[in-house]
Amino acid sequence: MRTTITRLLVCLLMAACAATAGAASYTYKRLGNPQEAHTRPSSGTAMMGGGADLDEAFRWLCEKGDGGDVLVLRATGDDAYNPYIKSLCKTNSVATLVIPDRAAALDPAVAATIQEAAVLFIAGGDQANYVRGWQGTPVAAAINAHIAAGKPVGGTSAGLAVLGEFAYGALNDKPDDKDLASTEVLPDPYFYRVTLVRRLLRIPHLENLLTDSHFAQRDRMGRTLGFLARLMQDGWSAAPREVAIDARSAVLVQGNGRATVVGKGKGAYFLKPTRSPELCRPGAPLTFHEVSVQHVPAGGQFDLVSWKSTGGVDYSLSVDKGRITSTQAGGAVY
């Protein structure tokens, strides 16, 4: 009874806010049962590398939600995830909440809606919208409260980018800019588009961690090495780590930190610097030696606590004056 009343109050609050001129810039669309389900979600994080959506990853998230209400969060776009997820999973409902600006993120109805979800999924798009719009708002607080309560969360592409403690914020990117390329970061890790942010979300086992998507597909190894060097050089972390996931791949993390890699892409890359960068300064090409890499394809496993893989390939990368070398046969970076 209490949860039904809570759901009714949330719906009434959202309707009241929508009726207030200029107050509601968000949109909320729900598919399925309008009443909240009584479920027992369990903790877990679905880290998706972008590209075609992975049915397996979404089914895993839904199972973690115990068939409860799934809420998709995004800054732009529509509710296309609603029928897709509803057709895959036995869920009470699937809804999409589009939070286009900071004003919407400050609306109490938006945070109240997030608090009622069993599963949260952050869609792709532009992570700068999430950083600018959510950091320090009730939306970020509600997402972090959801996580702290042991409920599952997931994200893809830009949604993946903000799951770790550290993120490439893309804050200086213009709407028509192409992807920040490795060829822009390696010659100068302080290139103006390299904007790093931290602590938007607080997810267990993703502390001290940077994430990236579309990894091998878009040749992002060089920029990732630049990001890691910057985190160390700028004093944000003495020993940062990275989970970099290729397109059409996902890393499904259990509450104990043990993860399984799934999908049809090249899997995931787990990076750990073993020493500080030798040269990381504005206007100079990066020199950064002996970064440990574990490449785990689909079907492999990785323990984020011990930082060890099962079914993975270990190698090391170094950067000398902006040029990457690898210990893999043939010098392969990926």
C-alpha atoms as a PDB file:
ATOM      1  CA  MET A   1       0.000   0.000   0.000  1.00  0.00           C
ATOM      2  CA  ARG A   2       2.777   2.429   0.926  1.00  0.00           C
ATOM      3  CA  THR A   3       4.624   1.948  -2.376  1.00  0.00           C
ATOM      4  CA  THR A   4       1.389   2.371  -4.342  1.00  0.00           C
ATOM      5  CA  ILE A   5       0.707   5.637  -2.549  1.00  0.00           C
ATOM      6  CA  THR A   6       4.292   6.731  -3.170  1.00  0.00           C
ATOM      7  CA  ARG A   7       3.966   6.010  -6.888  1.00  0.00           C
ATOM      8  CA  LEU A   8       0.688   7.938  -7.004  1.00  0.00           C
ATOM      9  CA  LEU A   9       2.264  10.909  -5.250  1.00  0.00           C
ATOM     10  CA  VAL A  10       5.202  10.890  -7.671  1.00  0.00           C
ATOM     11  CA  CYS A  11       2.851  10.835 -10.670  1.00  0.00           C
ATOM     12  CA  LEU A  12       0.766  13.654  -9.201  1.00  0.00           C
ATOM     13  CA  LEU A  13       3.905  15.666  -8.493  1.00  0.00           C
ATOM     14  CA  MET A  14       5.149  15.222 -12.054  1.00  0.00           C
ATOM     15  CA  ALA A  15       1.756  16.202 -13.428  1.00  0.00           C
ATOM     16  CA  ALA A  16       1.652  19.282 -11.221  1.00  0.00           C
ATOM     17  CA  CYS A  17       5.138  20.325 -12.277  1.00  0.00           C
ATOM     18  CA  ALA A  18       4.268  19.783 -15.932  1.00  0.00           C
ATOM     19  CA  ALA A  19       1.305  22.106 -15.484  1.00  0.00           C
ATOM     20  CA  THR A  20       3.549  24.881 -14.195  1.00  0.00           C
ATOM     21  CA  ALA A  21       4.710  27.168 -16.994  1.00  0.00           C
ATOM     22  CA  GLY A  22       8.399  26.742 -17.709  1.00  0.00           C
ATOM     23  CA  ALA A  23       8.910  24.328 -14.811  1.00  0.00           C
ATOM     24  CA  ALA A  24       9.026  20.971 -16.576  1.00  0.00           C
ATOM     25  CA  SER A  25      11.532  20.651 -19.378  1.00  0.00           C
ATOM     26  CA  TYR A  26      11.817  16.891 -18.815  1.00  0.00           C
ATOM     27  CA  THR A  27       9.689  14.192 -20.427  1.00  0.00           C
ATOM     28  CA  TYR A  28       8.583  10.908 -18.865  1.00  0.00           C
ATOM     29  CA  LYS A  29       7.061   8.004 -20.801  1.00  0.00           C
ATOM     30  CA  ARG A  30       6.186   4.672 -19.216  1.00  0.00           C
ATOM     31  CA  LEU A  31       5.274   1.318 -20.748  1.00  0.00           C
ATOM     32  CA  GLY A  32       3.687  -1.405 -18.634  1.00  0.00           C
ATOM     33  CA  ASN A  33       2.034  -1.441 -15.224  1.00  0.00           C
ATOM     34  CA  PRO A  34       1.449   2.101 -13.893  1.00  0.00           C
ATOM     35  CA  GLN A  35       1.696   0.776 -10.335  1.00  0.00           C
ATOM     36  CA  GLU A  36       5.044   0.119  -8.707  1.00  0.00           C
ATOM     37  CA  ALA A  37       6.137  -3.507  -8.260  1.00  0.00           C
ATOM     38  CA  HIS A  38       7.243  -5.055  -4.971  1.00  0.00           C
ATOM     39  CA  THR A  39      10.643  -6.551  -5.819  1.00  0.00           C
ATOM     40  CA  ARG A  40      14.023  -7.223  -4.265  1.00  0.00           C
ATOM     41  CA  PRO A  41      16.736  -5.910  -6.598  1.00  0.00           C
ATOM     42  CA  SER A  42      20.358  -6.971  -6.156  1.00  0.00           C
ATOM     43  CA  SER A  43      23.481  -4.958  -6.838  1.00  0.00           C
ATOM     44  CA  GLY A  44      25.339  -5.100 -10.128  1.00  0.00           C
ATOM     45  CA  THR A  45      26.700  -2.863 -12.870  1.00  0.00           C
ATOM     46  CA  ALA A  46      26.243  -3.420 -16.609  1.00  0.00           C
ATOM     47  CA  MET A  47      29.008  -1.587 -18.466  1.00  0.00           C
ATOM     48  CA  MET A  48      28.230  -1.519 -22.188  1.00  0.00           C
ATOM     49  CA  GLY A  49      30.660  -0.432 -24.879  1.00  0.00           C
ATOM     50  CA  GLY A  50      28.194   1.122 -27.308  1.00  0.00           C
ATOM     51  CA  GLY A  51      27.115   0.117 -30.781  1.00  0.00           C
ATOM     52  CA  ALA A  52      24.276  -2.363 -31.216  1.00  0.00           C
ATOM     53  CA  ASP A  53      22.457  -3.054 -27.952  1.00  0.00           C
ATOM     54  CA  LEU A  54      23.228  -6.404 -26.345  1.00  0.00           C
ATOM     55  CA  ASP A  55      20.160  -8.421 -25.389  1.00  0.00           C
ATOM     56  CA  GLU A  56      22.204 -10.478 -22.939  1.00  0.00           C
ATOM     57  CA  ALA A  57      23.332  -7.416 -21.007  1.00  0.00           C
ATOM     58  CA  PHE A  58      19.824  -6.002 -20.697  1.00  0.00           C
ATOM     59  CA  ARG A  59      18.389  -9.342 -19.602  1.00  0.00           C
ATOM     60  CA  TRP A  60      21.083  -9.493 -16.920  1.00  0.00           C
ATOM     61  CA  LEU A  61      20.119  -6.019 -15.690  1.00  0.00           C
ATOM     62  CA  CYS A  62      16.440  -6.930 -15.605  1.00  0.00           C
ATOM     63  CA  GLU A  63      17.193 -10.078 -13.617  1.00  0.00           C
ATOM     64  CA  LYS A  64      19.155  -7.981 -11.145  1.00  0.00           C
ATOM     65  CA  GLY A  65      16.062  -5.809 -10.832  1.00  0.00           C
ATOM     66  CA  ASP A  66      13.940  -8.849  -9.930  1.00  0.00           C
ATOM     67  CA  GLY A  67      11.356  -7.948 -12.558  1.00  0.00           C
ATOM     68  CA  GLY A  68      10.801  -4.481 -11.129  1.00  0.00           C
ATOM     69  CA  ASP A  69      10.542  -1.080 -12.761  1.00  0.00           C
ATOM     70  CA  VAL A  70      13.310  -0.192 -15.233  1.00  0.00           C
ATOM     71  CA  LEU A  71      14.072   3.494 -15.743  1.00  0.00           C
ATOM     72  CA  VAL A  72      16.142   4.754 -18.685  1.00  0.00           C
ATOM     73  CA  LEU A  73      17.852   8.096 -18.090  1.00  0.00           C
ATOM     74  CA  ARG A  74      18.975  10.337 -20.920  1.00  0.00           C
ATOM     75  CA  ALA A  75      19.519  14.003 -21.792  1.00  0.00           C
ATOM     76  CA  THR A  76      18.238  13.839 -25.367  1.00  0.00           C
ATOM     77  CA  GLY A  77      16.358  11.358 -27.519  1.00  0.00           C
ATOM     78  CA  ASP A  78      13.126   9.436 -27.208  1.00  0.00           C
ATOM     79  CA  ASP A  79      11.625   6.401 -25.492  1.00  0.00           C
ATOM     80  CA  ALA A  80      12.821   3.807 -28.026  1.00  0.00           C
ATOM     81  CA  TYR A  81      14.319   1.705 -25.224  1.00  0.00           C
ATOM     82  CA  ASN A  82      10.890   1.166 -23.663  1.00  0.00           C
ATOM     83  CA  PRO A  83       9.480  -1.392 -26.146  1.00  0.00           C
ATOM     84  CA  TYR A  84      12.919  -2.950 -26.694  1.00  0.00           C
ATOM     85  CA  ILE A  85      13.518  -3.707 -23.013  1.00  0.00           C
ATOM     86  CA  LYS A  86       9.885  -4.639 -22.366  1.00  0.00           C
ATOM     87  CA  SER A  87      10.025  -7.225 -25.167  1.00  0.00           C
ATOM     88  CA  LEU A  88      13.229  -8.727 -23.741  1.00  0.00           C
ATOM     89  CA  CYS A  89      12.438  -8.845 -20.060  1.00  0.00           C
ATOM     90  CA  LYS A  90       9.656  -9.748 -17.686  1.00  0.00           C
ATOM     91  CA  THR A  91       9.513  -6.354 -16.017  1.00  0.00           C
ATOM     92  CA  ASN A  92       6.720  -4.562 -14.254  1.00  0.00           C
ATOM     93  CA  SER A  93       7.359  -1.510 -16.413  1.00  0.00           C
ATOM     94  CA  VAL A  94       9.961   0.291 -18.493  1.00  0.00           C
ATOM     95  CA  ALA A  95      10.057   4.077 -18.533  1.00  0.00           C
ATOM     96  CA  THR A  96      12.278   6.738 -20.077  1.00  0.00           C
ATOM     97  CA  LEU A  97      13.039   9.998 -18.300  1.00  0.00           C
ATOM     98  CA  VAL A  98      14.651  12.635 -20.525  1.00  0.00           C
ATOM     99  CA  ILE A  99      16.454  15.257 -18.408  1.00  0.00           C
ATOM    100  CA  PRO A 100      17.603  17.840 -20.964  1.00  0.00           C
ATOM    101  CA  ASP A 101      19.074  20.516 -18.712  1.00  0.00           C
ATOM    102  CA  ARG A 102      20.079  21.473 -15.195  1.00  0.00           C
ATOM    103  CA  ALA A 103      16.694  23.025 -14.496  1.00  0.00           C
ATOM    104  CA  ALA A 104      15.075  19.636 -15.030  1.00  0.00           C
ATOM    105  CA  ALA A 105      17.698  17.976 -12.826  1.00  0.00           C
ATOM    106  CA  LEU A 106      16.732  20.357 -10.008  1.00  0.00           C
ATOM    107  CA  ASP A 107      13.036  19.467 -10.278  1.00  0.00           C
ATOM    108  CA  PRO A 108      12.012  17.392  -7.227  1.00  0.00           C
ATOM    109  CA  ALA A 109       9.687  15.245  -9.349  1.00  0.00           C
ATOM    110  CA  VAL A 110      12.639  14.008 -11.403  1.00  0.00           C
ATOM    111  CA  ALA A 111      14.632  12.835  -8.383  1.00  0.00           C
ATOM    112  CA  ALA A 112      11.496  11.278  -6.886  1.00  0.00           C
ATOM    113  CA  THR A 113      10.962   9.236 -10.048  1.00  0.00           C
ATOM    114  CA  ILE A 114      14.554   7.976  -9.978  1.00  0.00           C
ATOM    115  CA  GLN A 115      14.148   6.910  -6.355  1.00  0.00           C
ATOM    116  CA  GLU A 116      11.253   4.598  -7.249  1.00  0.00           C
ATOM    117  CA  ALA A 117      13.104   2.588  -9.920  1.00  0.00           C
ATOM    118  CA  ALA A 118      14.412  -0.943  -9.426  1.00  0.00           C
ATOM    119  CA  VAL A 119      16.907  -0.612 -12.312  1.00  0.00           C
ATOM    120  CA  LEU A 120      18.596   2.479 -13.747  1.00  0.00           C
ATOM    121  CA  PHE A 121      20.125   2.571 -17.214  1.00  0.00           C
ATOM    122  CA  ILE A 122      21.975   5.616 -18.587  1.00  0.00           C
ATOM    123  CA  ALA A 123      21.683   5.863 -22.354  1.00  0.00           C
ATOM    124  CA  GLY A 124      24.298   7.066 -24.815  1.00  0.00           C
ATOM    125  CA  GLY A 125      24.587  10.551 -26.250  1.00  0.00           C
ATOM    126  CA  ASP A 126      26.970  13.247 -25.016  1.00  0.00           C
ATOM    127  CA  GLN A 127      28.465  12.770 -21.563  1.00  0.00           C
ATOM    128  CA  ALA A 128      28.964  16.531 -21.253  1.00  0.00           C
ATOM    129  CA  ASN A 129      25.189  16.804 -20.883  1.00  0.00           C
ATOM    130  CA  TYR A 130      25.287  14.415 -17.941  1.00  0.00           C
ATOM    131  CA  VAL A 131      28.222  16.145 -16.270  1.00  0.00           C
ATOM    132  CA  ARG A 132      26.883  19.675 -16.718  1.00  0.00           C
ATOM    133  CA  GLY A 133      23.288  18.757 -16.046  1.00  0.00           C
ATOM    134  CA  TRP A 134      23.564  16.322 -13.149  1.00  0.00           C
ATOM    135  CA  GLN A 135      26.670  16.954 -11.061  1.00  0.00           C
ATOM    136  CA  GLY A 136      25.756  18.429  -7.694  1.00  0.00           C
ATOM    137  CA  THR A 137      21.999  18.077  -8.287  1.00  0.00           C
ATOM    138  CA  PRO A 138      19.247  15.923  -6.747  1.00  0.00           C
ATOM    139  CA  VAL A 139      19.499  13.702  -9.840  1.00  0.00           C
ATOM    140  CA  ALA A 140      23.080  12.693  -9.017  1.00  0.00           C
ATOM    141  CA  ALA A 141      22.108  12.273  -5.367  1.00  0.00           C
ATOM    142  CA  ALA A 142      19.159  10.052  -6.311  1.00  0.00           C
ATOM    143  CA  ILE A 143      21.274   7.876  -8.613  1.00  0.00           C
ATOM    144  CA  ASN A 144      23.925   7.482  -5.917  1.00  0.00           C
ATOM    145  CA  ALA A 145      21.256   6.644  -3.328  1.00  0.00           C
ATOM    146  CA  HIS A 146      19.886   3.996  -5.711  1.00  0.00           C
ATOM    147  CA  ILE A 147      23.365   2.475  -6.004  1.00  0.00           C
ATOM    148  CA  ALA A 148      24.008   2.667  -2.251  1.00  0.00           C
ATOM    149  CA  ALA A 149      20.733   0.806  -1.666  1.00  0.00           C
ATOM    150  CA  GLY A 150      22.126  -2.165  -3.603  1.00  0.00           C
ATOM    151  CA  LYS A 151      20.102  -1.669  -6.775  1.00  0.00           C
ATOM    152  CA  PRO A 152      21.554  -2.325 -10.253  1.00  0.00           C
ATOM    153  CA  VAL A 153      22.725   0.320 -12.704  1.00  0.00           C
ATOM    154  CA  GLY A 154      23.996   0.254 -16.267  1.00  0.00           C
ATOM    155  CA  GLY A 155      25.160   2.524 -19.031  1.00  0.00           C
ATOM    156  CA  THR A 156      26.289   2.491 -22.640  1.00  0.00           C
ATOM    157  CA  SER A 157      28.629   4.778 -24.585  1.00  0.00           C
ATOM    158  CA  ALA A 158      28.260   8.221 -22.935  1.00  0.00           C
ATOM    159  CA  GLY A 159      26.312   6.475 -20.189  1.00  0.00           C
ATOM    160  CA  LEU A 160      29.281   4.185 -19.615  1.00  0.00           C
ATOM    161  CA  ALA A 161      31.655   7.155 -19.616  1.00  0.00           C
ATOM    162  CA  VAL A 162      30.147   8.546 -16.400  1.00  0.00           C
ATOM    163  CA  LEU A 163      29.998   5.289 -14.412  1.00  0.00           C
ATOM    164  CA  GLY A 164      33.590   5.365 -13.171  1.00  0.00           C
ATOM    165  CA  GLU A 165      35.003   7.713 -10.544  1.00  0.00           C
ATOM    166  CA  PHE A 166      36.890   9.494 -13.340  1.00  0.00           C
ATOM    167  CA  ALA A 167      35.503  10.423 -16.744  1.00  0.00           C
ATOM    168  CA  TYR A 168      36.408  12.164 -19.955  1.00  0.00           C
ATOM    169  CA  GLY A 169      33.807  14.913 -19.721  1.00  0.00           C
ATOM    170  CA  ALA A 170      33.957  16.239 -23.314  1.00  0.00           C
ATOM    171  CA  LEU A 171      33.220  19.664 -21.825  1.00  0.00           C
ATOM    172  CA  ASN A 172      35.143  21.625 -24.461  1.00  0.00           C
ATOM    173  CA  ASP A 173      33.740  19.731 -27.435  1.00  0.00           C
ATOM    174  CA  LYS A 174      31.639  21.619 -29.963  1.00  0.00           C
ATOM    175  CA  PRO A 175      28.464  20.068 -31.412  1.00  0.00           C
ATOM    176  CA  ASP A 176      30.128  19.394 -34.767  1.00  0.00           C
ATOM    177  CA  ASP A 177      33.424  18.067 -33.352  1.00  0.00           C
ATOM    178  CA  LYS A 178      34.462  14.570 -34.306  1.00  0.00           C
ATOM    179  CA  ASP A 179      35.544  12.068 -31.648  1.00  0.00           C
ATOM    180  CA  LEU A 180      38.559  13.145 -29.610  1.00  0.00           C
ATOM    181  CA  ALA A 181      41.238  11.112 -31.374  1.00  0.00           C
ATOM    182  CA  SER A 182      44.315   9.383 -30.002  1.00  0.00           C
ATOM    183  CA  THR A 183      46.314  11.382 -32.556  1.00  0.00           C
ATOM    184  CA  GLU A 184      45.230  14.578 -30.770  1.00  0.00           C
ATOM    185  CA  VAL A 185      46.035  13.393 -27.245  1.00  0.00           C
ATOM    186  CA  LEU A 186      49.373  11.590 -27.671  1.00  0.00           C
ATOM    187  CA  PRO A 187      51.225  14.679 -29.031  1.00  0.00           C
ATOM    188  CA  ASP A 188      49.789  16.792 -26.187  1.00  0.00           C
ATOM    189  CA  PRO A 189      47.951  15.233 -23.204  1.00  0.00           C
ATOM    190  CA  TYR A 190      46.870  18.777 -22.277  1.00  0.00           C
ATOM    191  CA  PHE A 191      45.152  19.395 -25.613  1.00  0.00           C
ATOM    192  CA  TYR A 192      42.214  21.728 -24.910  1.00  0.00           C
ATOM    193  CA  ARG A 193      39.593  19.055 -25.541  1.00  0.00           C
ATOM    194  CA  VAL A 194      41.011  16.749 -22.845  1.00  0.00           C
ATOM    195  CA  THR A 195      38.610  17.623 -20.022  1.00  0.00           C
ATOM    196  CA  LEU A 196      38.615  15.142 -17.160  1.00  0.00           C
ATOM    197  CA  VAL A 197      36.032  15.145 -14.377  1.00  0.00           C
ATOM    198  CA  ARG A 198      35.457  13.063 -11.273  1.00  0.00           C
ATOM    199  CA  ARG A 199      32.952  11.806  -8.740  1.00  0.00           C
ATOM    200  CA  LEU A 200      29.683  12.260 -10.568  1.00  0.00           C
ATOM    201  CA  LEU A 201      28.661   8.753  -9.491  1.00  0.00           C
ATOM    202  CA  ARG A 202      29.902   6.477  -6.720  1.00  0.00           C
ATOM    203  CA  ILE A 203      29.664   2.857  -7.778  1.00  0.00           C
ATOM    204  CA  PRO A 204      31.279   0.024  -5.791  1.00  0.00           C
ATOM    205  CA  HIS A 205      34.389  -1.402  -7.494  1.00  0.00           C
ATOM    206  CA  LEU A 206      34.519   1.514  -9.950  1.00  0.00           C
ATOM    207  CA  GLU A 207      36.417   3.773  -7.561  1.00  0.00           C
ATOM    208  CA  ASN A 208      39.744   5.075  -8.898  1.00  0.00           C
ATOM    209  CA  LEU A 209      38.571   3.981 -12.327  1.00  0.00           C
ATOM    210  CA  LEU A 210      38.204   5.516 -15.772  1.00  0.00           C
ATOM    211  CA  THR A 211      35.929   3.988 -18.404  1.00  0.00           C
ATOM    212  CA  ASP A 212      35.712   4.245 -22.189  1.00  0.00           C
ATOM    213  CA  SER A 213      33.565   2.736 -24.941  1.00  0.00           C
ATOM    214  CA  HIS A 214      33.802   1.932 -28.688  1.00  0.00           C
ATOM    215  CA  PHE A 215      37.389   1.169 -27.751  1.00  0.00           C
ATOM    216  CA  ALA A 216      39.185  -0.840 -30.425  1.00  0.00           C
ATOM    217  CA  GLN A 217      36.549   0.097 -32.996  1.00  0.00           C
ATOM    218  CA  ARG A 218      37.501   3.788 -32.755  1.00  0.00           C
ATOM    219  CA  ASP A 219      41.197   3.297 -31.881  1.00  0.00           C
ATOM    220  CA  ARG A 220      40.983   4.938 -28.473  1.00  0.00           C
ATOM    221  CA  MET A 221      44.016   3.313 -26.830  1.00  0.00           C
ATOM    222  CA  GLY A 222      46.221   6.363 -27.313  1.00  0.00           C
ATOM    223  CA  ARG A 223      43.780   8.801 -25.788  1.00  0.00           C
ATOM    224  CA  THR A 224      43.176   6.445 -22.863  1.00  0.00           C
ATOM    225  CA  LEU A 225      46.904   6.323 -22.128  1.00  0.00           C
ATOM    226  CA  GLY A 226      46.904  10.114 -22.202  1.00  0.00           C
ATOM    227  CA  PHE A 227      43.977  10.258 -19.783  1.00  0.00           C
ATOM    228  CA  LEU A 228      45.679   7.874 -17.342  1.00  0.00           C
ATOM    229  CA  ALA A 229      48.895   9.888 -17.509  1.00  0.00           C
ATOM    230  CA  ARG A 230      46.962  13.082 -16.803  1.00  0.00           C
ATOM    231  CA  LEU A 231      45.249  11.575 -13.759  1.00  0.00           C
ATOM    232  CA  MET A 232      48.661  10.726 -12.330  1.00  0.00           C
ATOM    233  CA  GLN A 233      50.440  13.910 -13.367  1.00  0.00           C
ATOM    234  CA  ASP A 234      47.661  16.153 -12.017  1.00  0.00           C
ATOM    235  CA  GLY A 235      47.604  14.376  -8.665  1.00  0.00           C
ATOM    236  CA  TRP A 236      44.103  12.934  -8.949  1.00  0.00           C
ATOM    237  CA  SER A 237      45.331   9.366  -8.488  1.00  0.00           C
ATOM    238  CA  ALA A 238      48.679   7.719  -7.842  1.00  0.00           C
ATOM    239  CA  ALA A 239      47.512   4.477  -9.437  1.00  0.00           C
ATOM    240  CA  PRO A 240      44.427   4.909 -11.662  1.00  0.00           C
ATOM    241  CA  ARG A 241      42.912   2.040 -13.603  1.00  0.00           C
ATOM    242  CA  GLU A 242      40.791   1.776 -16.714  1.00  0.00           C
ATOM    243  CA  VAL A 243      38.045  -0.459 -18.020  1.00  0.00           C
ATOM    244  CA  ALA A 244      37.839   0.121 -21.777  1.00  0.00           C
ATOM    245  CA  ILE A 245      35.090  -1.750 -23.607  1.00  0.00           C
ATOM    246  CA  ASP A 246      34.781  -2.304 -27.317  1.00  0.00           C
ATOM    247  CA  ALA A 247      31.576  -1.733 -29.269  1.00  0.00           C
ATOM    248  CA  ARG A 248      29.059  -4.611 -29.119  1.00  0.00           C
ATOM    249  CA  SER A 249      30.693  -5.784 -25.889  1.00  0.00           C
ATOM    250  CA  ALA A 250      29.753  -5.463 -22.224  1.00  0.00           C
ATOM    251  CA  VAL A 251      31.246  -6.104 -18.797  1.00  0.00           C
ATOM    252  CA  LEU A 252      28.684  -7.369 -16.277  1.00  0.00           C
ATOM    253  CA  VAL A 253      29.904  -6.736 -12.732  1.00  0.00           C
ATOM    254  CA  GLN A 254      28.456  -8.630  -9.785  1.00  0.00           C
ATOM    255  CA  GLY A 255      28.163  -7.011  -6.377  1.00  0.00           C
ATOM    256  CA  ASN A 256      31.391  -8.702  -5.275  1.00  0.00           C
ATOM    257  CA  GLY A 257      33.404  -7.143  -8.119  1.00  0.00           C
ATOM    258  CA  ARG A 258      33.631 -10.259 -10.269  1.00  0.00           C
ATOM    259  CA  ALA A 259      32.746  -9.566 -13.875  1.00  0.00           C
ATOM    260  CA  THR A 260      31.934 -11.472 -17.040  1.00  0.00           C
ATOM    261  CA  VAL A 261      32.610 -10.132 -20.526  1.00  0.00           C
ATOM    262  CA  VAL A 262      29.869 -10.735 -23.102  1.00  0.00           C
ATOM    263  CA  GLY A 263      29.012  -9.649 -26.626  1.00  0.00           C
ATOM    264  CA  LYS A 264      30.189  -9.868 -30.219  1.00  0.00           C
ATOM    265  CA  GLY A 265      32.892  -7.179 -30.250  1.00  0.00           C
ATOM    266  CA  LYS A 266      36.518  -7.458 -29.151  1.00  0.00           C
ATOM    267  CA  GLY A 267      35.646  -7.577 -25.459  1.00  0.00           C
ATOM    268  CA  ALA A 268      37.257  -5.409 -22.811  1.00  0.00           C
ATOM    269  CA  TYR A 269      40.685  -4.030 -21.938  1.00  0.00           C
ATOM    270  CA  PHE A 270      41.735  -3.569 -18.325  1.00  0.00           C
ATOM    271  CA  LEU A 271      44.638  -1.120 -17.955  1.00  0.00           C
ATOM    272  CA  LYS A 272      46.872  -0.470 -14.958  1.00  0.00           C
ATOM    273  CA  PRO A 273      49.936   1.826 -15.001  1.00  0.00           C
ATOM    274  CA  THR A 274      52.969   0.353 -13.246  1.00  0.00           C
ATOM    275  CA  ARG A 275      54.894   3.635 -12.991  1.00  0.00           C
ATOM    276  CA  SER A 276      54.369   7.370 -13.308  1.00  0.00           C
ATOM    277  CA  PRO A 277      54.600   9.027 -16.733  1.00  0.00           C
ATOM    278  CA  GLU A 278      58.108  10.148 -17.589  1.00  0.00           C
ATOM    279  CA  LEU A 279      56.895  13.173 -19.537  1.00  0.00           C
ATOM    280  CA  CYS A 280      53.371  14.556 -19.331  1.00  0.00           C
ATOM    281  CA  ARG A 281      53.153  18.306 -19.775  1.00  0.00           C
ATOM    282  CA  PRO A 282      51.368  20.856 -21.973  1.00  0.00           C
ATOM    283  CA  GLY A 283      52.567  21.032 -25.546  1.00  0.00           C
ATOM    284  CA  ALA A 284      54.878  18.011 -25.322  1.00  0.00           C
ATOM    285  CA  PRO A 285      54.345  14.477 -26.676  1.00  0.00           C
ATOM    286  CA  LEU A 286      53.614  11.889 -24.018  1.00  0.00           C
ATOM    287  CA  THR A 287      56.245   9.488 -22.679  1.00  0.00           C
ATOM    288  CA  PHE A 288      54.738   6.827 -20.430  1.00  0.00           C
ATOM    289  CA  HIS A 289      56.226   3.359 -19.965  1.00  0.00           C
ATOM    290  CA  GLU A 290      54.978  -0.073 -18.921  1.00  0.00           C
ATOM    291  CA  VAL A 291      51.219   0.190 -18.707  1.00  0.00           C
ATOM    292  CA  SER A 292      49.818  -3.267 -17.980  1.00  0.00           C
ATOM    293  CA  VAL A 293      46.951  -4.398 -20.228  1.00  0.00           C
ATOM    294  CA  GLN A 294      44.699  -7.429 -19.842  1.00  0.00           C
ATOM    295  CA  HIS A 295      42.511  -8.060 -22.874  1.00  0.00           C
ATOM    296  CA  VAL A 296      39.508 -10.201 -21.997  1.00  0.00           C
ATOM    297  CA  PRO A 297      37.305 -11.385 -24.894  1.00  0.00           C
ATOM    298  CA  ALA A 298      33.678 -12.454 -24.624  1.00  0.00           C
ATOM    299  CA  GLY A 299      33.342 -15.433 -22.323  1.00  0.00           C
ATOM    300  CA  GLY A 300      36.261 -14.362 -20.147  1.00  0.00           C
ATOM    301  CA  GLN A 301      36.070 -13.129 -16.591  1.00  0.00           C
ATOM    302  CA  PHE A 302      37.722 -10.374 -14.609  1.00  0.00           C
ATOM    303  CA  ASP A 303      37.948  -9.645 -10.893  1.00  0.00           C
ATOM    304  CA  LEU A 304      37.948  -5.897 -10.257  1.00  0.00           C
ATOM    305  CA  VAL A 305      39.127  -6.478  -6.674  1.00  0.00           C
ATOM    306  CA  SER A 306      42.225  -8.579  -7.419  1.00  0.00           C
ATOM    307  CA  TRP A 307      42.611  -7.049 -10.912  1.00  0.00           C
ATOM    308  CA  LYS A 308      43.137 -10.483 -12.435  1.00  0.00           C
ATOM    309  CA  SER A 309      41.525 -12.094 -15.460  1.00  0.00           C
ATOM    310  CA  THR A 310      40.469 -15.593 -16.427  1.00  0.00           C
ATOM    311  CA  GLY A 311      40.676 -16.263 -20.135  1.00  0.00           C
ATOM    312  CA  GLY A 312      42.483 -13.018 -20.892  1.00  0.00           C
ATOM    313  CA  VAL A 313      45.732 -12.043 -22.631  1.00  0.00           C
ATOM    314  CA  ASP A 314      48.342 -10.010 -20.742  1.00  0.00           C
ATOM    315  CA  TYR A 315      50.722  -7.552 -22.377  1.00  0.00           C
ATOM    316  CA  SER A 316      52.335  -4.178 -21.805  1.00  0.00           C
ATOM    317  CA  LEU A 317      52.237  -0.856 -23.635  1.00  0.00           C
ATOM    318  CA  SER A 318      54.687   2.030 -23.586  1.00  0.00           C
ATOM    319  CA  VAL A 319      54.572   5.481 -25.146  1.00  0.00           C
ATOM    320  CA  ASP A 320      57.764   7.200 -26.309  1.00  0.00           C
ATOM    321  CA  LYS A 321      57.370  10.771 -27.537  1.00  0.00           C
ATOM    322  CA  GLY A 322      53.775  10.101 -28.527  1.00  0.00           C
ATOM    323  CA  ARG A 323      54.380   6.732 -30.204  1.00  0.00           C
ATOM    324  CA  ILE A 324      52.892   3.540 -28.737  1.00  0.00           C
ATOM    325  CA  THR A 325      54.834   0.268 -28.622  1.00  0.00           C
ATOM    326  CA  SER A 326      53.500  -3.100 -27.478  1.00  0.00           C
ATOM    327  CA  THR A 327      54.970  -6.327 -26.125  1.00  0.00           C
ATOM    328  CA  GLN A 328      52.418  -8.331 -28.130  1.00  0.00           C
ATOM    329  CA  ALA A 329      53.567 -10.299 -31.142  1.00  0.00           C
ATOM    330  CA  GLY A 330      53.842  -7.989 -34.105  1.00  0.00           C
ATOM    331  CA  GLY A 331      53.500  -4.964 -31.833  1.00  0.00           C
ATOM    332  CA  ALA A 332      49.699  -5.137 -31.815  1.00  0.00           C
ATOM    333  CA  VAL A 333      48.153  -2.482 -29.575  1.00  0.00           C
ATOM    334  CA  TYR A 334      44.817  -4.305 -29.296  1.00  0.00           C
END
